Amino acid sequence: MPLSTAENRTFLNRRTIVSEGYQCDNGYLQVEAELIDTRGSESTNPWRGTVEPGDPVHRMSLRITLDPALIIRDIEASTDNAPFPACRDVAPNLKALIGLQITRGFKRNARARIGGPLGCTHLLAALEVIAATAMQTAAAAVGGDRSRKFFAPLSGTDPSRPPLIDSCKGYAADGPVVERYWPVHFRPRS
């Protein structure tokens, strides 16, 4: 169902994040994202000068390499457009994410390592999209029903309880998907 008809309005900003996942010949996965912010009007600052409408205010790319357990083995970032020169200095700091597993708590753990003045809010936004894409990429790599077994060890405290349960309405513990695929974890409403 589409959104309702919008009011009369003026375009100000567009953020686009495109993320893609790949299977490497060596068994690793790579996930890339590109974040682009554009404005509907001219913007100016003392470091960058004038940015014309439609030209990128931010254009940043990020690639992570993951082993089969979704542990980050390498990371690369590029800042092609940003408002300040210091924005380009962040890329090497992202190496602090190497060794971190994409599992429950990933976003919090990533922010602890590269948040604040060590990082970039835009690259963190791209990283959050990459994490979601990594899960979808891993599911596609193992294929079909086997993906549920793949994700089971990523659940945290109870390795038998898949992390997808209660992650959204579709995977609600009291819903038909959990009842069908993980009946031992199905919790009907009382």
Protein backbone atom coordinates (compact mmCIF):
# COMPACT_ATOMS: atom_id res chain seq x y z
CA MET A 1 0.00 0.00 0.00
CA PRO A 2 1.54 3.35 -1.00
CA LEU A 3 1.90 6.33 1.32
CA SER A 4 -0.85 8.90 1.42
CA THR A 5 -0.62 11.94 -0.84
CA ALA A 6 1.93 14.37 0.57
CA GLU A 7 1.28 18.03 1.30
CA ASN A 8 2.79 20.74 -0.90
CA ARG A 9 6.44 20.81 0.04
CA THR A 10 9.98 21.71 -1.05
CA PHE A 11 12.73 19.09 -1.45
CA LEU A 12 15.61 19.72 0.98
CA ASN A 13 17.71 16.57 1.40
CA ARG A 14 18.04 13.02 0.08
CA ARG A 15 20.07 10.30 1.72
CA THR A 16 20.67 7.21 -0.36
CA ILE A 17 22.42 4.16 0.98
CA VAL A 18 22.95 1.29 -1.43
CA SER A 19 24.36 -1.92 0.00
CA GLU A 20 25.31 -5.13 -1.77
CA GLY A 21 26.65 -8.47 -0.55
CA TYR A 22 28.98 -10.88 -2.33
CA GLN A 23 30.39 -14.39 -1.89
CA CYS A 24 34.17 -14.49 -2.41
CA ASP A 25 35.98 -17.44 -3.96
CA ASN A 26 37.83 -18.00 -0.66
CA GLY A 27 34.56 -18.57 1.26
CA TYR A 28 34.46 -15.12 2.81
CA LEU A 29 31.66 -12.63 2.29
CA GLN A 30 32.08 -8.99 1.31
CA VAL A 31 29.46 -6.35 1.87
CA GLU A 32 29.71 -2.84 0.46
CA ALA A 33 27.68 0.29 0.98
CA GLU A 34 27.71 3.76 -0.52
CA LEU A 35 26.06 6.66 1.27
CA ILE A 36 25.19 9.81 -0.68
CA ASP A 37 23.52 12.94 0.71
CA THR A 38 22.30 15.59 -1.74
CA ARG A 39 20.52 18.87 -1.12
CA GLY A 40 17.77 20.59 -3.02
CA SER A 41 19.47 23.95 -2.68
CA GLU A 42 22.98 25.34 -2.74
CA SER A 43 25.04 24.96 0.43
CA THR A 44 28.33 26.61 1.35
CA ASN A 45 30.95 26.31 4.05
CA PRO A 46 34.49 27.74 4.43
CA TRP A 47 36.24 24.39 3.90
CA ARG A 48 34.33 22.93 1.00
CA GLY A 49 33.06 26.03 -0.72
CA THR A 50 29.78 25.89 -2.63
CA VAL A 51 27.96 22.62 -3.25
CA GLU A 52 25.38 22.91 -6.00
CA PRO A 53 21.90 21.38 -5.67
CA GLY A 54 22.05 17.68 -6.52
CA ASP A 55 25.83 17.40 -5.99
CA PRO A 56 26.90 15.15 -3.11
CA VAL A 57 27.36 16.85 0.23
CA HIS A 58 28.45 13.44 1.53
CA ARG A 59 29.64 10.55 -0.61
CA MET A 60 31.22 7.74 1.34
CA SER A 61 31.87 4.08 0.65
CA LEU A 62 32.51 1.20 2.99
CA ARG A 63 33.46 -2.46 2.43
CA ILE A 64 33.72 -5.18 5.04
CA THR A 65 35.10 -8.68 4.58
CA LEU A 66 33.56 -11.35 6.81
CA ASP A 67 34.49 -14.92 7.55
CA PRO A 68 31.76 -17.61 7.60
CA ALA A 69 31.02 -16.85 11.29
CA LEU A 70 30.33 -13.18 10.36
CA ILE A 71 33.50 -11.93 12.04
CA ILE A 72 34.96 -8.84 10.38
CA ARG A 73 38.33 -9.76 8.89
CA ASP A 74 38.96 -6.52 6.97
CA ILE A 75 37.34 -3.15 6.44
CA GLU A 76 37.95 -0.35 3.99
CA ALA A 77 36.38 3.10 3.77
CA SER A 78 36.55 6.01 1.38
CA THR A 79 35.26 9.55 1.76
CA ASP A 80 34.97 11.18 -1.64
CA ASN A 81 32.79 14.12 -0.60
CA ALA A 82 32.38 15.61 2.86
CA PRO A 83 31.94 19.09 4.31
CA PHE A 84 35.22 19.09 6.26
CA PRO A 85 38.78 17.89 5.52
CA ALA A 86 38.92 16.00 8.84
CA CYS A 87 36.15 13.68 7.61
CA ARG A 88 38.70 11.94 5.40
CA ASP A 89 40.87 11.11 8.43
CA VAL A 90 38.38 8.61 9.86
CA ALA A 91 38.92 5.67 7.46
CA PRO A 92 41.97 4.16 9.27
CA ASN A 93 40.10 4.23 12.61
CA LEU A 94 37.57 1.76 11.24
CA LYS A 95 40.23 -0.97 11.43
CA ALA A 96 39.26 -1.12 15.14
CA LEU A 97 36.21 -3.10 14.00
CA ILE A 98 38.32 -6.03 12.79
CA GLY A 99 37.51 -9.05 14.94
CA LEU A 100 33.99 -7.85 15.80
CA GLN A 101 31.20 -10.31 14.98
CA ILE A 102 27.97 -9.20 13.36
CA THR A 103 25.53 -10.60 15.89
CA ARG A 104 23.24 -9.30 18.60
CA GLY A 105 24.74 -6.08 20.05
CA PHE A 106 26.84 -5.35 16.95
CA LYS A 107 25.73 -1.72 16.57
CA ARG A 108 26.41 -0.95 20.24
CA ASN A 109 29.83 -2.62 20.10
CA ALA A 110 30.75 -0.84 16.86
CA ARG A 111 29.83 2.55 18.34
CA ALA A 112 31.94 1.78 21.42
CA ARG A 113 34.96 1.20 19.18
CA ILE A 114 34.55 3.96 16.60
CA GLY A 115 31.95 6.38 17.95
CA GLY A 116 32.39 10.02 18.79
CA PRO A 117 35.50 11.84 17.54
CA LEU A 118 37.09 8.58 16.36
CA GLY A 119 34.36 7.96 13.82
CA CYS A 120 31.84 9.44 11.46
CA THR A 121 28.07 9.39 11.91
CA HIS A 122 27.63 8.88 8.17
CA LEU A 123 29.94 5.86 8.02
CA LEU A 124 28.21 4.45 11.10
CA ALA A 125 24.87 4.84 9.30
CA ALA A 126 26.31 2.94 6.32
CA LEU A 127 27.74 0.32 8.70
CA GLU A 128 24.29 -0.32 10.19
CA VAL A 129 22.94 -0.97 6.70
CA ILE A 130 25.93 -3.19 5.96
CA ALA A 131 25.20 -5.26 9.08
CA ALA A 132 21.65 -5.93 7.90
CA THR A 133 22.90 -6.69 4.39
CA ALA A 134 25.51 -9.06 5.84
CA MET A 135 22.78 -11.10 7.51
CA GLN A 136 20.82 -11.31 4.27
CA THR A 137 24.00 -12.14 2.34
CA ALA A 138 24.89 -14.92 4.79
CA ALA A 139 21.38 -16.34 4.52
CA ALA A 140 21.65 -16.30 0.72
CA ALA A 141 25.09 -17.93 0.87
CA VAL A 142 23.89 -20.92 2.92
CA GLY A 143 20.56 -21.03 1.12
CA GLY A 144 16.95 -21.75 1.97
CA ASP A 145 16.03 -23.61 5.13
CA ARG A 146 19.69 -24.07 6.07
CA SER A 147 19.89 -20.35 6.89
CA ARG A 148 17.85 -20.86 10.08
CA LYS A 149 20.48 -23.32 11.34
CA PHE A 150 23.26 -20.92 10.34
CA PHE A 151 21.86 -18.10 12.47
CA ALA A 152 21.19 -20.21 15.57
CA PRO A 153 24.72 -19.79 17.09
CA LEU A 154 24.42 -16.01 16.74
CA SER A 155 21.57 -15.84 19.26
CA GLY A 156 23.66 -14.93 22.29
CA THR A 157 22.69 -16.45 25.64
CA ASP A 158 20.54 -19.34 24.34
CA PRO A 159 22.22 -20.92 21.29
CA SER A 160 19.10 -23.00 20.61
CA ARG A 161 16.93 -19.87 20.23
CA PRO A 162 17.39 -18.29 16.81
CA PRO A 163 18.12 -14.55 17.02
CA LEU A 164 15.37 -13.83 14.51
CA ILE A 165 12.67 -14.68 17.07
CA ASP A 166 11.01 -11.47 18.31
CA SER A 167 13.25 -9.35 16.06
CA CYS A 168 10.14 -8.14 14.21
CA LYS A 169 6.42 -8.85 13.80
CA GLY A 170 7.04 -11.54 11.16
CA TYR A 171 9.25 -13.49 13.57
CA ALA A 172 7.11 -12.90 16.70
CA ALA A 173 7.36 -15.77 19.20
CA ASP A 174 3.56 -16.07 19.08
CA GLY A 175 3.34 -16.00 15.28
CA PRO A 176 2.89 -18.60 12.56
CA VAL A 177 6.51 -18.45 11.31
CA VAL A 178 7.98 -19.38 14.69
CA GLU A 179 5.24 -21.96 15.22
CA ARG A 180 6.17 -23.64 11.92
CA TYR A 181 9.97 -23.39 11.92
CA TRP A 182 10.84 -23.35 15.62
CA PRO A 183 7.88 -24.94 17.45
CA VAL A 184 9.94 -25.44 20.61
CA HIS A 185 10.23 -21.64 20.88
CA PHE A 186 6.62 -20.89 19.92
CA ARG A 187 4.84 -18.97 22.70
CA PRO A 188 1.10 -18.64 22.02
CA ARG A 189 -0.63 -15.57 23.39
CA SER A 190 -2.37 -16.16 26.67
